[in-house]
Amino acid sequence: MRVVDAVASWFEEIGVQHYFGYAGGAIWPFLDALVDHPKLQGIQGKVEHNAIHAADIYYRTTGRIAPVVVTKGPGLLNCVGGAASAMHDTSAVMIIAGAGSTHFLGKGGMQELYYKGHEDALNVFRPVTKGVWMCVRPDTVIDVLNTAYKTALAGRPGPVFVQLPFDIQTALVEGEVEGSATRTVSFRPRADRDSVARAAELIRDAERPVLLAGGGLVRSAGGPAALAALAERLQLPVVTTLTAKGAISEEHPLSLGCVGRSGTQSAAEATREADVVVAVGARFSDNHTSNWRQGRIYDVPRTRIIQADLDPAEVARNYPVAVGVVADAAGFLQDLDEALPSDAQPDRSAWVGRTREWHAAWQEEIAPLLVAGGDALHPARLAYELGEALGDTGRVFIDIGDVIQYAEVYMTIRRPDQWYINPGMAEMGWASSGVVGAVAGDRSRPAIALTGDGAFNMVSNVLGTAVEYDLPAIWVILDNNELGIERKGAMAAHKRTHPWYSFTRVDTGEPYNPDYVKLAEAYGALGERVERPEQFRPALDRALASGRPYVLDVIIDTTVPTYFTKGLDRAYPDKWAETYPGYGLLSIAR
C-alpha cells in the first residue's frame, strides 16, 4: 500500500469522522487514497483558512480532531492565522500539508518556501503550534502522526503541523497501521496535598472570597459541575472570564457574570473587593484585567490569588500568587471541596448579600436596554434576544469586533456548552467561517454565528460551503457599514477617524455594504433583512426553524457606544518615557 493509503486507514483507526481542507496538486495522492474511505466525510472550504476555523470549532464542540488537509505553498500559509487562533485558545487541530518531492527540496520549485534553505514551512508554523514535523522516511509516517496526535491532545490542547512530501505520499509500505490508542496519554494532573491544604486554609480564612472560572475549567471534563458544587456548598460568589461565560448558569444566584474590560459592573466590584480570588483555568489576560492596572479589576497584592492551570507557564505569569499549582480544573476543585468541610467555614452571608445587591443593581440598570425600541435595533436587545432564543440546545459563536462587547455583557448564557469565542488571537471571521464545523459535528443542535459586517465580509464565501454540504448554520450580521469598534476607539483616541473605518463608496459618499439577503440567495441560502427592533426575534425564530443555511442582515443603532465596565477603557500605553501603572514593573528612572 502507499503511505497515503496507510494514513487514510490511520484516520479510521483513530476515529476520525470528518476532515476539512482544500484540494491542491501536492496532495493529489492523499485525496486519491481518501476516495477509498467514503465513511470519512470530507468538507472542503472555499479557502483554507475557512477550513481550519471549521476544524477548530469542530474540536471545541465535539472534543474530536478533524484533520485539515491542504496543499503546499499558499495553501498551507492560509492556515497560519487559524493555527495561531487555535494555539492561543487551546484547541486541538491537526494540519497535514503536502510538499514537493524530496528530490527537489531546496531547488526553489513552484510554491516551495526555499528562501532560507530547503522547504521551510516548519519554521513558519513552529511559533503558532505545539509541534511541527516533516516526514522524510515512508516507514516513519504513522509513528510521526501518532506523536503529533498525542502532542495535540496531551496537557493543554493545541494545533500541530505535519508535512508530507509528494514522493513520501506515494512510497510503498507494508505492515499493520497502528492507531493512536497505545501512543496517547491521559493527562489530568492533581495538585499536591500541601498546595491544596494551603489553598484551603486561605479560603477558610477569607472574608471576601471569589471563585474565578476560566476557559480551561470549561474544557475540563466535570469542571463546571465541580465549580457549581463547591460554590453552592461554601456559598462563594462566582465570576467568569470571557471564554468561560456560562460555566455556571448566569441565572444562578451566586453568578455575577463575566469580569473584565467589558464585563458586568457587579463582577468588577466583587473582584476589586475580594481578599482571595481562586482562579481555575484562567490566565489573567489584558482585556480580562484591564491591562493589569492595579485596582481596576484586581487589587494585587492586597487580594491574594490562588491559581490552578494545566499549563505551568500561565501560573503567575501576570500576577504573583499565594498558591500556584499545575492541575486539572475539575480535580483541583474536587480536592478543595474535600479539604474544606462545611462546619469549618465562616458565615459569609453578608459578603454574598453585598455581591447580590451589586448584581441586582446592575441588572436593573441595563434592563431598559434589553427591550429598547427605536428606529434601529439596540445591540443590547439583539444580544439579549439571541441568548433567549438558544433554549436548551442552541449554541452561539461570537466573532471579533464590537459584537463581543455587547454579547459578553447583555447575553445570558445558561450552560457551559452554549458559548464559544476566540478572543486570544482575535482573528476576524473565526466564528463566521468556522460555524459550519459545529454543524458538521452535531446537526441536532442549532449553531448561530453572531458577527459584524466587517468580519462577515472577509469570509462570506462560507455560505457556499454551507449550501454545498447542507450545513444549516445561521449568521446574524450586525450591519452598521463600519468597523465599529475601530472607528469608536480611534475617535476617542485622536478625535478624528480614517476613511478605512467606515464602508463608503468614493463615487457617491454613501454607506456601502453588499445586499446580504441577495448574497445569501445567490449562494442558495435563505436570508432576511431586519430593520426594526420588533422584527428580530421572529426572524431569528424562522431561521432556527428553517433547517437551512440562513443569513439575518440586522440594521443596528450606530449611536450606541462600545460597552465598557464603568471606569475602564482600552488603556493602551502611549508614552514610552512613562512607566505604565501595571503590576510588577520597575519605574523608568528620571
Protein backbone atom coordinates (compact mmCIF):
# COMPACT_ATOMS: atom_id res chain seq x y z
CA MET A 1 0.00 0.00 0.00
CA ARG A 2 1.00 3.61 -0.47
CA VAL A 3 1.84 5.80 2.52
CA VAL A 4 -1.32 7.80 1.85
CA ASP A 5 -3.40 4.61 1.99
CA ALA A 6 -1.85 3.92 5.39
CA VAL A 7 -2.65 7.44 6.53
CA ALA A 8 -6.27 7.16 5.41
CA SER A 9 -6.54 3.88 7.33
CA TRP A 10 -4.95 5.63 10.32
CA PHE A 11 -7.73 8.22 10.16
CA GLU A 12 -10.25 5.42 10.63
CA GLU A 13 -8.18 3.80 13.37
CA ILE A 14 -8.20 6.97 15.50
CA GLY A 15 -11.91 7.55 14.99
CA VAL A 16 -11.88 10.44 12.53
CA GLN A 17 -15.38 11.16 11.23
CA HIS A 18 -14.77 14.39 9.30
CA TYR A 19 -11.83 16.14 7.70
CA PHE A 20 -11.59 19.65 6.29
CA GLY A 21 -9.29 21.33 3.80
CA TYR A 22 -8.82 22.32 0.17
CA ALA A 23 -7.58 20.46 -2.88
CA GLY A 24 -4.18 21.09 -4.47
CA GLY A 25 -1.53 19.37 -6.56
CA ALA A 26 0.74 18.49 -3.64
CA ILE A 27 -1.99 16.33 -2.05
CA TRP A 28 -3.37 14.55 -5.13
CA PRO A 29 -2.15 11.17 -3.83
CA PHE A 30 -3.66 11.83 -0.39
CA LEU A 31 -7.05 12.76 -1.84
CA ASP A 32 -6.91 9.71 -4.09
CA ALA A 33 -6.43 7.48 -1.06
CA LEU A 34 -9.35 9.07 0.76
CA VAL A 35 -11.66 8.13 -2.14
CA ASP A 36 -11.45 4.55 -0.84
CA HIS A 37 -12.74 5.62 2.59
CA PRO A 38 -16.20 7.07 1.94
CA LYS A 39 -17.19 6.86 5.62
CA LEU A 40 -14.72 9.67 6.26
CA GLN A 41 -16.69 12.80 5.41
CA GLY A 42 -14.54 15.44 3.75
CA ILE A 43 -15.72 19.05 3.78
CA GLN A 44 -13.88 21.47 1.50
CA GLY A 45 -13.98 25.12 2.49
CA LYS A 46 -13.83 27.81 -0.14
CA VAL A 47 -10.39 28.78 1.15
CA GLU A 48 -8.02 27.06 3.55
CA HIS A 49 -8.45 29.46 6.46
CA ASN A 50 -12.19 28.72 6.45
CA ALA A 51 -11.36 25.04 6.72
CA ILE A 52 -9.01 25.40 9.67
CA HIS A 53 -11.52 27.55 11.57
CA ALA A 54 -14.17 24.89 10.93
CA ALA A 55 -11.83 22.20 12.29
CA ASP A 56 -11.04 24.41 15.30
CA ILE A 57 -14.72 24.85 16.19
CA TYR A 58 -15.37 21.17 15.41
CA TYR A 59 -12.88 20.22 18.13
CA ARG A 60 -14.20 22.77 20.61
CA THR A 61 -17.75 21.48 20.25
CA THR A 62 -17.13 17.73 19.92
CA GLY A 63 -13.78 17.05 21.58
CA ARG A 64 -12.68 15.19 18.43
CA ILE A 65 -9.94 16.08 15.98
CA ALA A 66 -10.95 16.65 12.36
CA PRO A 67 -7.70 16.78 10.34
CA VAL A 68 -7.11 19.68 7.96
CA VAL A 69 -5.63 18.51 4.65
CA VAL A 70 -4.06 21.22 2.48
CA THR A 71 -1.55 21.62 -0.30
CA LYS A 72 1.86 23.30 -0.17
CA GLY A 73 2.83 26.96 -0.51
CA PRO A 74 -0.09 29.41 -0.35
CA GLY A 75 -2.44 26.62 0.71
CA LEU A 76 -0.61 25.86 3.93
CA LEU A 77 0.21 29.54 4.50
CA ASN A 78 -3.52 30.25 4.53
CA CYS A 79 -3.65 28.15 7.71
CA VAL A 80 -1.15 30.17 9.76
CA GLY A 81 -3.68 32.57 11.29
CA GLY A 82 -6.06 29.74 12.09
CA ALA A 83 -3.28 27.77 13.76
CA ALA A 84 -2.39 30.81 15.89
CA SER A 85 -6.04 31.19 16.88
CA ALA A 86 -6.24 27.54 17.91
CA MET A 87 -2.95 27.82 19.81
CA HIS A 88 -3.98 30.94 21.70
CA ASP A 89 -7.32 29.47 22.75
CA THR A 90 -6.30 25.86 23.40
CA SER A 91 -7.91 23.96 20.53
CA ALA A 92 -6.52 20.70 19.12
CA VAL A 93 -6.19 20.95 15.34
CA MET A 94 -4.06 18.71 13.13
CA ILE A 95 -2.83 20.24 9.86
CA ILE A 96 -1.47 17.79 7.28
CA ALA A 97 0.10 19.56 4.31
CA GLY A 98 1.70 18.44 1.12
CA ALA A 99 5.16 19.41 -0.13
CA GLY A 100 7.22 18.97 -3.26
CA SER A 101 9.12 15.74 -3.77
CA THR A 102 12.23 15.25 -1.63
CA HIS A 103 14.23 15.00 -4.86
CA PHE A 104 13.67 18.74 -5.40
CA LEU A 105 13.98 20.17 -1.88
CA GLY A 106 15.94 23.42 -1.93
CA LYS A 107 15.78 23.89 -5.70
CA GLY A 108 13.23 26.70 -5.47
CA GLY A 109 10.42 24.95 -7.25
CA MET A 110 6.92 26.31 -7.54
CA GLN A 111 5.43 27.11 -4.13
CA GLU A 112 8.49 25.93 -2.17
CA LEU A 113 9.44 28.12 0.80
CA TYR A 114 13.15 27.85 0.00
CA TYR A 115 14.37 31.37 0.85
CA LYS A 116 16.38 30.27 3.90
CA GLY A 117 17.20 26.76 2.75
CA HIS A 118 15.13 23.68 1.91
CA GLU A 119 11.31 23.65 2.26
CA ASP A 120 10.87 25.81 5.36
CA ALA A 121 7.17 25.63 6.22
CA LEU A 122 8.06 24.03 9.55
CA ASN A 123 9.64 27.25 10.74
CA VAL A 124 6.56 29.22 9.69
CA PHE A 125 4.32 27.05 11.88
CA ARG A 126 6.74 26.45 14.75
CA PRO A 127 5.75 29.59 16.74
CA VAL A 128 1.99 29.02 16.37
CA THR A 129 1.69 25.28 17.09
CA LYS A 130 2.64 22.76 19.77
CA GLY A 131 4.82 20.82 17.33
CA VAL A 132 5.90 20.53 13.68
CA TRP A 133 7.22 17.59 11.66
CA MET A 134 8.28 16.84 8.08
CA CYS A 135 8.25 13.16 7.15
CA VAL A 136 11.28 12.18 5.09
CA ARG A 137 11.04 8.39 5.51
CA PRO A 138 7.92 6.49 4.39
CA ASP A 139 8.18 3.89 7.17
CA THR A 140 8.02 6.52 9.94
CA VAL A 141 4.94 8.44 8.80
CA ILE A 142 2.40 6.68 11.06
CA ASP A 143 4.77 6.94 14.01
CA VAL A 144 5.10 10.68 13.39
CA LEU A 145 1.33 11.08 13.11
CA ASN A 146 0.79 9.25 16.40
CA THR A 147 3.32 11.55 18.05
CA ALA A 148 1.64 14.61 16.58
CA TYR A 149 -1.81 13.40 17.65
CA LYS A 150 -0.59 12.79 21.20
CA THR A 151 1.03 16.23 21.27
CA ALA A 152 -2.17 17.93 20.11
CA LEU A 153 -4.29 16.38 22.86
CA ALA A 154 -1.93 15.96 25.82
CA GLY A 155 -1.89 18.59 28.54
CA ARG A 156 -3.08 21.91 27.23
CA PRO A 157 -4.51 21.03 23.79
CA GLY A 158 -3.31 22.85 20.69
CA PRO A 159 -2.58 22.62 16.97
CA VAL A 160 0.13 20.55 15.29
CA PHE A 161 1.56 20.61 11.76
CA VAL A 162 2.78 17.62 9.71
CA GLN A 163 4.16 17.92 6.18
CA LEU A 164 4.26 15.03 3.70
CA PRO A 165 6.40 15.45 0.57
CA PHE A 166 4.82 14.18 -2.64
CA ASP A 167 7.10 11.17 -3.11
CA ILE A 168 6.71 10.18 0.55
CA GLN A 169 2.94 10.06 -0.01
CA THR A 170 3.28 7.66 -2.94
CA ALA A 171 6.00 5.44 -1.46
CA LEU A 172 5.05 1.81 -0.85
CA VAL A 173 4.98 0.42 2.69
CA GLU A 174 3.75 -2.80 4.27
CA GLY A 175 2.63 -3.96 7.70
CA GLU A 176 -0.14 -3.07 10.14
CA VAL A 177 -1.28 0.51 10.68
CA GLU A 178 -1.02 1.34 14.37
CA GLY A 179 -3.65 3.70 15.75
CA SER A 180 -3.08 6.21 18.49
CA ALA A 181 -4.68 4.20 21.32
CA THR A 182 -1.36 2.82 22.58
CA ARG A 183 0.52 6.06 21.97
CA THR A 184 -1.68 8.68 23.66
CA VAL A 185 -1.59 9.60 27.33
CA SER A 186 -4.14 10.58 29.94
CA PHE A 187 -3.14 13.93 31.40
CA ARG A 188 -5.26 15.14 34.30
CA PRO A 189 -2.72 16.10 36.99
CA ARG A 190 -3.79 16.70 40.58
CA ALA A 191 -2.29 19.32 42.84
CA ASP A 192 -0.02 18.11 45.65
CA ARG A 193 -1.58 17.81 49.09
CA ASP A 194 0.42 20.63 50.65
CA SER A 195 -0.72 23.09 47.95
CA VAL A 196 -4.35 22.03 48.34
CA ALA A 197 -4.06 22.42 52.10
CA ARG A 198 -2.55 25.91 51.78
CA ALA A 199 -5.24 26.95 49.30
CA ALA A 200 -7.95 25.56 51.58
CA GLU A 201 -6.53 27.48 54.53
CA LEU A 202 -6.56 30.74 52.57
CA ILE A 203 -10.17 30.19 51.52
CA ARG A 204 -11.24 29.19 55.01
CA ASP A 205 -9.73 32.36 56.50
CA ALA A 206 -11.03 34.65 53.75
CA GLU A 207 -13.80 37.12 54.47
CA ARG A 208 -14.50 38.03 50.84
CA PRO A 209 -13.50 35.10 48.59
CA VAL A 210 -14.42 34.88 44.90
CA LEU A 211 -14.25 31.92 42.54
CA LEU A 212 -12.93 32.80 39.06
CA ALA A 213 -13.69 30.29 36.30
CA GLY A 214 -11.59 30.45 33.13
CA GLY A 215 -11.81 28.77 29.76
CA GLY A 216 -9.64 25.90 30.98
CA LEU A 217 -12.30 24.99 33.53
CA VAL A 218 -14.97 24.74 30.82
CA ARG A 219 -12.76 22.36 28.82
CA SER A 220 -12.07 20.16 31.85
CA ALA A 221 -14.40 17.16 31.99
CA GLY A 222 -16.58 17.71 35.06
CA GLY A 223 -15.19 21.21 35.62
CA PRO A 224 -18.47 23.17 35.52
CA ALA A 225 -20.19 20.62 37.80
CA ALA A 226 -17.31 20.78 40.31
CA LEU A 227 -17.45 24.59 40.20
CA ALA A 228 -21.18 24.68 40.98
CA ALA A 229 -20.82 22.10 43.74
CA LEU A 230 -18.06 23.98 45.56
CA ALA A 231 -19.70 27.37 45.11
CA GLU A 232 -23.07 26.17 46.40
CA ARG A 233 -21.75 24.26 49.39
CA LEU A 234 -19.46 27.05 50.57
CA GLN A 235 -21.61 29.91 49.28
CA LEU A 236 -18.87 31.52 47.19
CA PRO A 237 -19.65 34.19 44.55
CA VAL A 238 -18.57 33.16 41.04
CA VAL A 239 -17.23 35.28 38.19
CA THR A 240 -16.01 34.03 34.82
CA THR A 241 -13.62 35.09 32.12
CA LEU A 242 -14.99 35.85 28.67
CA THR A 243 -14.15 32.36 27.39
CA ALA A 244 -15.87 30.71 30.38
CA LYS A 245 -19.15 32.64 30.12
CA GLY A 246 -21.88 30.22 31.18
CA ALA A 247 -19.52 27.91 33.12
CA ILE A 248 -22.16 28.32 35.79
CA SER A 249 -25.61 29.44 34.69
CA GLU A 250 -25.71 33.22 34.63
CA GLU A 251 -29.11 32.95 36.29
CA HIS A 252 -27.58 31.13 39.28
CA PRO A 253 -27.87 33.27 42.44
CA LEU A 254 -24.10 33.04 43.03
CA SER A 255 -23.18 34.07 39.47
CA LEU A 256 -22.01 37.63 38.90
CA GLY A 257 -21.30 37.14 35.19
CA CYS A 258 -18.13 37.93 33.26
CA VAL A 259 -15.42 40.07 34.80
CA GLY A 260 -13.16 42.24 32.65
CA ARG A 261 -12.96 45.31 30.49
CA SER A 262 -16.48 44.76 29.19
CA GLY A 263 -17.89 42.58 31.96
CA THR A 264 -20.61 43.24 34.48
CA GLN A 265 -20.23 46.03 36.99
CA SER A 266 -21.05 43.64 39.82
CA ALA A 267 -18.29 41.19 38.88
CA ALA A 268 -15.72 44.00 38.81
CA GLU A 269 -16.90 45.26 42.21
CA ALA A 270 -16.54 41.79 43.68
CA THR A 271 -13.03 41.11 42.37
CA ARG A 272 -11.83 44.57 43.44
CA GLU A 273 -13.15 43.97 46.95
CA ALA A 274 -12.13 40.32 47.25
CA ASP A 275 -9.42 39.32 49.70
CA VAL A 276 -8.90 35.94 47.97
CA VAL A 277 -9.53 35.03 44.31
CA VAL A 278 -9.48 31.34 43.40
CA ALA A 279 -8.63 31.30 39.67
CA VAL A 280 -9.14 27.96 37.94
CA GLY A 281 -8.17 27.64 34.26
CA ALA A 282 -7.80 31.42 33.88
CA ARG A 283 -4.66 33.14 32.62
CA PHE A 284 -5.39 36.81 33.51
CA SER A 285 -5.21 38.29 30.01
CA ASP A 286 -5.11 42.00 29.17
CA ASN A 287 -8.80 42.56 28.43
CA HIS A 288 -9.78 40.47 31.43
CA THR A 289 -7.67 42.57 33.82
CA SER A 290 -7.97 45.98 32.15
CA ASN A 291 -4.33 45.72 31.11
CA TRP A 292 -3.20 44.58 34.56
CA ARG A 293 -3.78 48.00 36.12
CA GLN A 294 -3.75 47.70 39.87
CA GLY A 295 -7.14 48.13 41.49
CA ARG A 296 -9.18 48.30 38.29
CA ILE A 297 -10.25 44.65 38.25
CA TYR A 298 -7.87 43.01 40.73
CA ASP A 299 -6.14 44.76 43.62
CA VAL A 300 -3.00 42.67 43.89
CA PRO A 301 -1.20 42.19 46.30
CA ARG A 302 -3.95 43.16 48.73
CA THR A 303 -6.03 40.50 47.05
CA ARG A 304 -4.28 37.14 47.27
CA ILE A 305 -4.55 34.81 44.29
CA ILE A 306 -4.79 31.03 44.19
CA GLN A 307 -4.19 29.97 40.60
CA ALA A 308 -4.58 26.48 39.14
CA ASP A 309 -3.88 25.74 35.47
CA LEU A 310 -2.79 22.84 33.27
CA ASP A 311 -0.02 24.97 31.79
CA PRO A 312 2.73 25.91 34.27
CA ALA A 313 3.74 28.81 32.01
CA GLU A 314 0.42 30.53 32.73
CA VAL A 315 0.63 30.25 36.52
CA ALA A 316 1.97 33.51 37.99
CA ARG A 317 2.67 34.88 34.51
CA ASN A 318 0.92 38.19 35.16
CA TYR A 319 0.27 38.30 38.91
CA PRO A 320 2.13 36.92 41.92
CA VAL A 321 0.26 34.03 43.50
CA ALA A 322 -0.23 32.97 47.09
CA VAL A 323 -0.65 29.40 45.85
CA GLY A 324 0.15 28.30 42.30
CA VAL A 325 -0.48 24.76 41.12
CA VAL A 326 -0.43 22.75 37.90
CA ALA A 327 -3.67 20.80 37.97
CA ASP A 328 -6.74 19.78 36.04
CA ALA A 329 -9.56 22.17 36.89
CA ALA A 330 -12.16 19.60 37.92
CA GLY A 331 -9.69 17.65 40.03
CA PHE A 332 -8.44 20.76 41.81
CA LEU A 333 -11.96 21.90 42.68
CA GLN A 334 -12.85 18.42 43.91
CA ASP A 335 -9.72 18.34 46.08
CA LEU A 336 -10.61 21.74 47.53
CA ASP A 337 -14.13 20.53 48.21
CA GLU A 338 -12.80 17.63 50.25
CA ALA A 339 -10.34 19.85 52.11
CA LEU A 340 -12.99 22.41 53.14
CA PRO A 341 -15.57 20.86 55.47
CA SER A 342 -18.78 22.86 55.70
CA ASP A 343 -18.73 23.06 59.51
CA ALA A 344 -15.35 24.83 59.45
CA GLN A 345 -16.48 27.67 57.19
CA PRO A 346 -17.23 31.20 58.42
CA ASP A 347 -20.60 32.81 57.86
CA ARG A 348 -20.24 34.68 54.56
CA SER A 349 -23.88 35.63 54.14
CA ALA A 350 -23.05 39.33 54.48
CA TRP A 351 -20.46 39.13 51.69
CA VAL A 352 -22.72 37.11 49.40
CA GLY A 353 -25.54 39.55 50.15
CA ARG A 354 -23.39 42.52 49.10
CA THR A 355 -22.44 40.88 45.82
CA ARG A 356 -26.09 40.06 45.09
CA GLU A 357 -27.06 43.65 45.76
CA TRP A 358 -24.41 44.84 43.32
CA HIS A 359 -25.64 42.38 40.71
CA ALA A 360 -29.30 43.28 41.19
CA ALA A 361 -28.46 46.99 40.84
CA TRP A 362 -26.51 46.31 37.64
CA GLN A 363 -29.33 44.20 36.19
CA GLU A 364 -31.81 46.94 36.97
CA GLU A 365 -29.57 49.47 35.24
CA ILE A 366 -29.35 47.57 31.96
CA ALA A 367 -32.94 46.28 31.93
CA PRO A 368 -34.30 49.11 29.72
CA LEU A 369 -31.65 48.38 27.05
CA LEU A 370 -32.78 44.79 26.69
CA VAL A 371 -36.21 45.90 25.45
CA ALA A 372 -35.14 49.16 23.79
CA GLY A 373 -37.29 50.39 20.93
CA GLY A 374 -36.38 52.99 18.35
CA ASP A 375 -35.85 53.05 14.61
CA ALA A 376 -32.91 50.61 14.66
CA LEU A 377 -32.15 47.68 16.91
CA HIS A 378 -30.08 48.40 20.00
CA PRO A 379 -27.18 45.87 20.13
CA ALA A 380 -28.03 45.09 23.75
CA ARG A 381 -31.52 43.95 22.76
CA LEU A 382 -30.13 41.92 19.87
CA ALA A 383 -27.64 40.12 22.14
CA TYR A 384 -30.24 39.51 24.84
CA GLU A 385 -32.90 38.16 22.49
CA LEU A 386 -30.40 35.89 20.74
CA GLY A 387 -29.43 34.41 24.10
CA GLU A 388 -33.08 33.81 24.95
CA ALA A 389 -33.61 32.07 21.62
CA LEU A 390 -30.88 29.48 22.29
CA GLY A 391 -33.12 27.38 24.51
CA ASP A 392 -31.59 24.17 25.86
CA THR A 393 -29.72 23.10 22.75
CA GLY A 394 -28.63 26.17 20.77
CA ARG A 395 -25.03 27.34 20.52
CA VAL A 396 -23.64 30.77 19.72
CA PHE A 397 -20.23 31.58 18.21
CA ILE A 398 -19.04 35.14 18.72
CA ASP A 399 -16.92 36.83 16.07
CA ILE A 400 -14.43 39.63 16.64
CA GLY A 401 -15.36 43.31 16.94
CA ASP A 402 -17.82 45.47 18.82
CA VAL A 403 -20.09 42.43 18.84
CA ILE A 404 -18.02 40.96 21.70
CA GLN A 405 -18.67 43.90 24.00
CA TYR A 406 -22.43 43.55 23.52
CA ALA A 407 -22.63 39.76 23.72
CA GLU A 408 -20.36 39.47 26.76
CA VAL A 409 -22.47 41.67 28.95
CA TYR A 410 -26.03 41.60 27.61
CA MET A 411 -26.49 37.95 26.61
CA THR A 412 -27.50 35.41 29.26
CA ILE A 413 -25.81 32.01 28.91
CA ARG A 414 -27.15 29.15 31.00
CA ARG A 415 -24.93 26.23 30.00
CA PRO A 416 -21.15 25.87 29.51
CA ASP A 417 -21.58 24.25 26.08
CA GLN A 418 -23.57 27.08 24.51
CA TRP A 419 -20.97 29.87 24.26
CA TYR A 420 -17.83 29.88 22.07
CA ILE A 421 -15.44 32.73 21.40
CA ASN A 422 -11.88 33.27 20.17
CA PRO A 423 -10.55 36.36 21.99
CA GLY A 424 -6.90 35.30 22.27
CA MET A 425 -5.67 35.81 18.70
CA ALA A 426 -8.97 37.57 17.93
CA GLU A 427 -8.98 36.72 14.23
CA MET A 428 -11.87 38.33 12.41
CA GLY A 429 -14.05 35.80 10.63
CA TRP A 430 -13.29 32.94 13.05
CA ALA A 431 -16.94 32.42 14.00
CA SER A 432 -18.40 33.33 10.61
CA SER A 433 -16.23 30.83 8.75
CA GLY A 434 -15.93 28.15 11.43
CA VAL A 435 -19.57 27.81 12.49
CA VAL A 436 -20.10 25.17 9.80
CA GLY A 437 -17.71 22.94 11.75
CA ALA A 438 -20.12 22.95 14.69
CA VAL A 439 -22.98 21.82 12.46
CA ALA A 440 -20.84 19.13 10.84
CA GLY A 441 -20.01 17.79 14.29
CA ASP A 442 -23.61 17.83 15.58
CA ARG A 443 -26.54 18.67 13.33
CA SER A 444 -29.05 18.25 16.13
CA ARG A 445 -28.04 21.48 17.87
CA PRO A 446 -28.57 24.90 16.23
CA ALA A 447 -25.41 26.92 15.64
CA ILE A 448 -25.50 30.71 15.30
CA ALA A 449 -22.58 32.94 14.34
CA LEU A 450 -23.01 36.43 15.79
CA THR A 451 -20.80 38.64 13.67
CA GLY A 452 -20.17 42.13 12.45
CA ASP A 453 -20.35 43.14 8.80
CA GLY A 454 -16.57 43.65 8.72
CA ALA A 455 -15.82 40.09 9.84
CA PHE A 456 -18.51 38.52 7.66
CA ASN A 457 -17.30 40.40 4.57
CA MET A 458 -13.93 38.67 4.95
CA VAL A 459 -15.36 35.16 4.71
CA SER A 460 -18.81 35.38 3.12
CA ASN A 461 -17.85 32.56 0.75
CA VAL A 462 -18.52 30.21 3.69
CA LEU A 463 -22.13 30.33 2.52
CA GLY A 464 -21.06 28.25 -0.46
CA THR A 465 -19.67 25.56 1.83
CA ALA A 466 -22.80 25.59 3.98
CA VAL A 467 -25.08 25.10 0.99
CA GLU A 468 -22.83 22.61 -0.80
CA TYR A 469 -22.65 20.33 2.25
CA ASP A 470 -26.13 21.08 3.62
CA LEU A 471 -24.89 22.60 6.90
CA PRO A 472 -27.74 24.70 8.32
CA ALA A 473 -25.74 27.33 10.18
CA ILE A 474 -27.19 30.77 10.93
CA TRP A 475 -25.36 34.08 10.55
CA VAL A 476 -26.64 37.12 12.45
CA ILE A 477 -24.83 40.15 10.98
CA LEU A 478 -24.66 43.44 12.86
CA ASP A 479 -24.91 45.76 9.88
CA ASN A 480 -23.56 49.24 10.58
CA ASN A 481 -21.43 49.89 7.47
CA GLU A 482 -18.26 50.20 9.51
CA LEU A 483 -15.63 48.62 11.70
CA GLY A 484 -17.47 49.92 14.73
CA ILE A 485 -15.02 49.22 17.50
CA GLU A 486 -12.14 50.62 15.42
CA ARG A 487 -13.99 53.80 14.50
CA LYS A 488 -15.10 54.46 18.07
CA GLY A 489 -11.67 53.71 19.51
CA ALA A 490 -9.88 55.92 17.00
CA MET A 491 -12.30 58.76 17.62
CA ALA A 492 -11.78 58.53 21.38
CA ALA A 493 -8.00 58.48 20.97
CA HIS A 494 -7.49 61.00 18.16
CA LYS A 495 -10.78 62.96 17.81
CA ARG A 496 -10.95 62.04 14.14
CA THR A 497 -11.13 58.88 12.03
CA HIS A 498 -9.51 57.45 8.92
CA PRO A 499 -11.78 56.54 5.97
CA TRP A 500 -10.91 52.85 6.37
CA TYR A 501 -13.04 52.55 9.49
CA SER A 502 -16.24 53.05 7.50
CA PHE A 503 -17.54 51.31 4.38
CA THR A 504 -18.29 54.17 1.98
CA ARG A 505 -18.48 54.46 -1.79
CA VAL A 506 -15.95 57.03 -3.00
CA ASP A 507 -18.09 57.99 -6.01
CA THR A 508 -21.25 58.88 -4.04
CA GLY A 509 -20.14 59.15 -0.40
CA GLU A 510 -22.94 56.77 0.56
CA PRO A 511 -22.51 53.96 3.11
CA TYR A 512 -21.79 50.67 1.40
CA ASN A 513 -22.32 47.02 2.10
CA PRO A 514 -23.43 44.22 -0.21
CA ASP A 515 -27.06 43.19 -0.12
CA TYR A 516 -26.61 40.26 2.27
CA VAL A 517 -30.04 38.80 1.51
CA LYS A 518 -29.31 38.66 -2.22
CA LEU A 519 -25.83 37.34 -1.46
CA ALA A 520 -27.30 34.51 0.61
CA GLU A 521 -29.81 33.71 -2.10
CA ALA A 522 -27.11 33.76 -4.76
CA TYR A 523 -25.29 31.03 -2.84
CA GLY A 524 -28.52 29.06 -2.37
CA ALA A 525 -29.10 30.01 1.27
CA LEU A 526 -32.01 31.93 2.79
CA GLY A 527 -31.86 35.49 4.06
CA GLU A 528 -33.84 38.28 5.70
CA ARG A 529 -33.17 41.93 6.37
CA VAL A 530 -34.17 43.17 9.83
CA GLU A 531 -34.68 46.92 10.02
CA ARG A 532 -36.73 47.39 13.19
CA PRO A 533 -36.30 46.04 16.75
CA GLU A 534 -39.55 44.10 16.85
CA GLN A 535 -38.62 42.20 13.67
CA PHE A 536 -35.51 40.50 15.03
CA ARG A 537 -36.80 37.72 17.29
CA PRO A 538 -39.46 36.48 14.83
CA ALA A 539 -36.85 36.45 12.05
CA LEU A 540 -34.42 34.51 14.25
CA ASP A 541 -37.13 32.01 15.12
CA ARG A 542 -37.80 31.49 11.40
CA ALA A 543 -34.10 30.94 10.79
CA LEU A 544 -33.91 28.37 13.60
CA ALA A 545 -36.96 26.53 12.27
CA SER A 546 -35.82 26.52 8.64
CA GLY A 547 -33.20 23.78 8.73
CA ARG A 548 -31.33 25.73 6.04
CA PRO A 549 -28.25 27.97 5.95
CA TYR A 550 -29.72 31.37 6.88
CA VAL A 551 -28.47 34.95 6.98
CA LEU A 552 -30.06 37.72 9.05
CA ASP A 553 -28.91 41.19 7.98
CA VAL A 554 -29.66 43.28 11.07
CA ILE A 555 -29.51 47.08 10.91
CA ILE A 556 -28.28 48.25 14.31
CA ASP A 557 -28.24 51.57 16.11
CA THR A 558 -24.85 53.12 15.30
CA THR A 559 -25.14 55.77 18.02
CA VAL A 560 -24.63 53.16 20.76
CA PRO A 561 -21.10 53.41 22.20
CA THR A 562 -18.81 50.44 22.78
CA TYR A 563 -19.66 48.97 26.16
CA PHE A 564 -17.01 49.16 28.87
CA THR A 565 -17.35 48.41 32.56
CA LYS A 566 -17.64 51.76 34.35
CA GLY A 567 -14.26 53.38 34.86
CA LEU A 568 -12.47 51.18 32.33
CA ASP A 569 -11.25 51.66 28.77
CA ARG A 570 -8.63 50.18 26.46
CA ALA A 571 -5.83 52.00 28.30
CA TYR A 572 -3.07 51.28 25.81
CA PRO A 573 0.27 52.75 26.96
CA ASP A 574 1.21 55.52 24.53
CA LYS A 575 4.05 57.33 26.32
CA TRP A 576 7.26 55.33 26.13
CA ALA A 577 9.05 57.52 28.67
CA GLU A 578 6.39 56.97 31.32
CA THR A 579 6.09 53.68 33.18
CA TYR A 580 2.69 52.09 32.73
CA PRO A 581 0.94 51.60 36.08
CA GLY A 582 0.74 47.84 35.70
CA TYR A 583 1.67 45.28 38.29
CA GLY A 584 5.28 44.15 38.68
CA LEU A 585 7.06 46.78 36.57
CA LEU A 586 10.08 48.81 37.59
CA SER A 587 9.82 52.56 37.04
CA ILE A 588 11.85 54.34 34.39
CA ALA A 589 14.48 56.44 36.11
CA ARG A 590 14.12 60.19 35.80
